[in-house]
Amino acid sequence: MATDPSPAAAPLTPAQKAAKEPCLALMRELVRTYQAFTRCDEEHIRQLGLTLPQFDVIATLGNTQGMMMTQIAEKTLTTKGTLTGIVDRLEQKGLVQRVVPPENRRCFIIVLTPVGEAIFNRVFPAHIEYMKERLKALTPAEMAQIQASLQRLRSLF
């Protein structure tokens, strides 16, 4: 009776097993997509004369009467510490100002200045049009499906 001369396959290590998980391909594609989006997004915003965080704050404040720092931080997903530096630089550029509301002198509201409003009215529509051009290959139904899938994915965390 002949025996099999090939050595028995060694069991996979935990790292080798992890490398074969189907979710790894999804995670990699998600990161690659985010990186590609950010590169495209940031490149255009820089051409408009702003950094990505500055644009985010200006876009958040646009079409509002202003917001408190905590509101801006929540909407831009920025920490208050980081946001303070961004607002300081926007204030130095004359694009925003801190206004103390008469009803609560313990806080302040960040508002766009007239120059900031003009920047918002110029760069926000231009950037939306730029990104819309990138996404025009998708149908409205595909966009809705992708949005729903991303919301579902986010809900898992």
Protein backbone atom coordinates (compact mmCIF):
# COMPACT_ATOMS: atom_id res chain seq x y z
CA MET A 1 0.00 0.00 0.00
CA ALA A 2 1.52 3.31 -1.10
CA THR A 3 1.51 6.32 1.16
CA ASP A 4 1.12 9.90 0.03
CA PRO A 5 4.67 11.34 -0.20
CA SER A 6 3.50 14.99 -0.03
CA PRO A 7 3.78 16.60 3.37
CA ALA A 8 0.57 17.44 5.19
CA ALA A 9 -0.53 21.01 4.75
CA ALA A 10 0.34 23.08 7.78
CA PRO A 11 -2.61 24.72 9.47
CA LEU A 12 -3.09 28.38 8.66
CA THR A 13 -1.86 30.92 11.15
CA PRO A 14 -4.36 33.44 12.53
CA ALA A 15 -2.82 36.13 10.30
CA GLN A 16 -3.17 33.90 7.22
CA LYS A 17 -6.79 33.21 8.12
CA ALA A 18 -7.45 36.92 8.61
CA ALA A 19 -5.92 37.70 5.20
CA LYS A 20 -8.52 35.41 3.58
CA GLU A 21 -11.54 37.10 5.20
CA PRO A 22 -14.04 38.41 2.60
CA CYS A 23 -14.46 41.68 4.53
CA LEU A 24 -10.80 42.56 3.82
CA ALA A 25 -11.55 43.25 0.14
CA LEU A 26 -14.46 45.50 1.14
CA MET A 27 -12.30 47.43 3.63
CA ARG A 28 -9.54 47.92 1.06
CA GLU A 29 -12.00 49.15 -1.59
CA LEU A 30 -13.62 51.50 0.90
CA VAL A 31 -10.23 53.02 1.79
CA ARG A 32 -9.17 53.27 -1.87
CA THR A 33 -12.46 54.97 -2.74
CA TYR A 34 -12.11 57.41 0.16
CA GLN A 35 -8.53 58.22 -0.84
CA ALA A 36 -9.49 58.79 -4.48
CA PHE A 37 -12.42 60.98 -3.48
CA THR A 38 -10.31 63.01 -1.05
CA ARG A 39 -7.52 63.53 -3.62
CA CYS A 40 -10.02 64.80 -6.20
CA ASP A 41 -11.96 66.89 -3.66
CA GLU A 42 -8.91 68.47 -2.04
CA GLU A 43 -7.15 69.23 -5.33
CA HIS A 44 -10.11 71.24 -6.59
CA ILE A 45 -10.62 73.06 -3.29
CA ARG A 46 -6.95 74.09 -3.27
CA GLN A 47 -7.42 75.49 -6.78
CA LEU A 48 -10.21 77.60 -5.29
CA GLY A 49 -7.73 79.03 -2.76
CA LEU A 50 -8.79 77.17 0.38
CA THR A 51 -7.73 74.17 2.39
CA LEU A 52 -10.18 71.30 2.80
CA PRO A 53 -10.94 72.17 6.47
CA GLN A 54 -11.42 75.86 5.59
CA PHE A 55 -13.80 74.95 2.78
CA ASP A 56 -15.69 72.62 5.09
CA VAL A 57 -16.24 75.40 7.65
CA ILE A 58 -17.22 77.96 5.02
CA ALA A 59 -19.60 75.50 3.34
CA THR A 60 -21.11 74.67 6.74
CA LEU A 61 -21.63 78.34 7.63
CA GLY A 62 -22.97 79.27 4.20
CA ASN A 63 -26.71 79.97 4.03
CA THR A 64 -26.87 80.25 7.86
CA GLN A 65 -26.96 83.08 10.38
CA GLY A 66 -23.84 81.59 11.99
CA MET A 67 -23.21 78.76 14.43
CA MET A 68 -21.54 78.08 17.73
CA MET A 69 -18.26 76.19 17.63
CA THR A 70 -19.87 73.01 18.97
CA GLN A 71 -22.39 73.02 16.12
CA ILE A 72 -19.68 73.55 13.50
CA ALA A 73 -17.55 70.81 15.08
CA GLU A 74 -20.47 68.36 14.90
CA LYS A 75 -21.30 69.18 11.29
CA THR A 76 -17.69 69.15 10.04
CA LEU A 77 -16.62 66.16 12.16
CA THR A 78 -13.76 68.27 13.52
CA THR A 79 -12.61 68.45 17.12
CA LYS A 80 -13.12 71.78 18.87
CA GLY A 81 -9.35 72.14 19.33
CA THR A 82 -8.65 71.70 15.62
CA LEU A 83 -11.62 73.87 14.72
CA THR A 84 -10.28 76.75 16.81
CA GLY A 85 -7.16 76.88 14.63
CA ILE A 86 -9.18 76.72 11.42
CA VAL A 87 -11.49 79.51 12.59
CA ASP A 88 -8.49 81.60 13.72
CA ARG A 89 -6.97 81.35 10.22
CA LEU A 90 -10.30 82.13 8.53
CA GLU A 91 -10.68 85.11 10.84
CA GLN A 92 -7.18 86.34 9.94
CA LYS A 93 -8.18 86.11 6.27
CA GLY A 94 -11.29 88.18 7.01
CA LEU A 95 -13.68 85.38 6.03
CA VAL A 96 -15.35 84.79 9.41
CA GLN A 97 -15.83 86.68 12.64
CA ARG A 98 -16.72 85.78 16.19
CA VAL A 99 -19.89 87.52 17.33
CA VAL A 100 -21.03 87.58 20.96
CA PRO A 101 -24.83 87.32 21.06
CA PRO A 102 -26.42 89.89 23.40
CA GLU A 103 -28.61 87.23 25.04
CA ASN A 104 -25.63 85.06 26.07
CA ARG A 105 -22.35 86.90 26.52
CA ARG A 106 -20.60 83.70 27.68
CA CYS A 107 -20.40 82.25 24.16
CA PHE A 108 -19.87 83.42 20.62
CA ILE A 109 -21.19 82.57 17.20
CA ILE A 110 -19.02 82.18 14.12
CA VAL A 111 -20.47 84.02 11.12
CA LEU A 112 -19.26 84.58 7.60
CA THR A 113 -18.16 88.15 6.89
CA PRO A 114 -19.33 89.80 3.66
CA VAL A 115 -16.03 88.64 2.10
CA GLY A 116 -16.66 85.13 3.46
CA GLU A 117 -20.17 85.17 2.00
CA ALA A 118 -18.74 86.18 -1.38
CA ILE A 119 -16.19 83.33 -1.18
CA PHE A 120 -18.96 80.89 -0.22
CA ASN A 121 -21.15 82.05 -3.10
CA ARG A 122 -18.25 81.60 -5.52
CA VAL A 123 -16.58 78.38 -4.34
CA PHE A 124 -19.50 76.29 -3.06
CA PRO A 125 -21.44 76.15 -6.35
CA ALA A 126 -18.19 75.74 -8.30
CA HIS A 127 -17.13 72.78 -6.17
CA ILE A 128 -20.55 71.13 -6.29
CA GLU A 129 -20.49 71.45 -10.08
CA TYR A 130 -16.97 70.00 -10.19
CA MET A 131 -17.95 66.99 -8.08
CA LYS A 132 -21.24 66.58 -9.97
CA GLU A 133 -19.19 66.25 -13.16
CA ARG A 134 -17.23 63.38 -11.57
CA LEU A 135 -20.43 61.59 -10.56
CA LYS A 136 -22.43 62.13 -13.76
CA ALA A 137 -21.84 58.55 -14.89
CA LEU A 138 -24.11 57.40 -12.04
CA THR A 139 -27.87 57.41 -12.45
CA PRO A 140 -30.02 58.92 -9.68
CA ALA A 141 -31.04 55.38 -8.74
CA GLU A 142 -27.41 54.27 -8.49
CA MET A 143 -26.58 57.30 -6.33
CA ALA A 144 -29.49 56.50 -4.02
CA GLN A 145 -28.40 52.85 -3.83
CA ILE A 146 -24.79 53.79 -3.00
CA GLN A 147 -25.98 56.28 -0.40
CA ALA A 148 -28.22 53.67 1.21
CA SER A 149 -25.39 51.13 1.22
CA LEU A 150 -23.00 53.62 2.83
CA GLN A 151 -25.61 54.50 5.47
CA ARG A 152 -26.13 50.82 6.20
CA LEU A 153 -22.38 50.31 6.48
CA ARG A 154 -22.03 53.31 8.82
CA SER A 155 -24.83 51.97 11.01
CA LEU A 156 -22.71 48.90 11.76
CA PHE A 157 -20.19 51.04 13.61
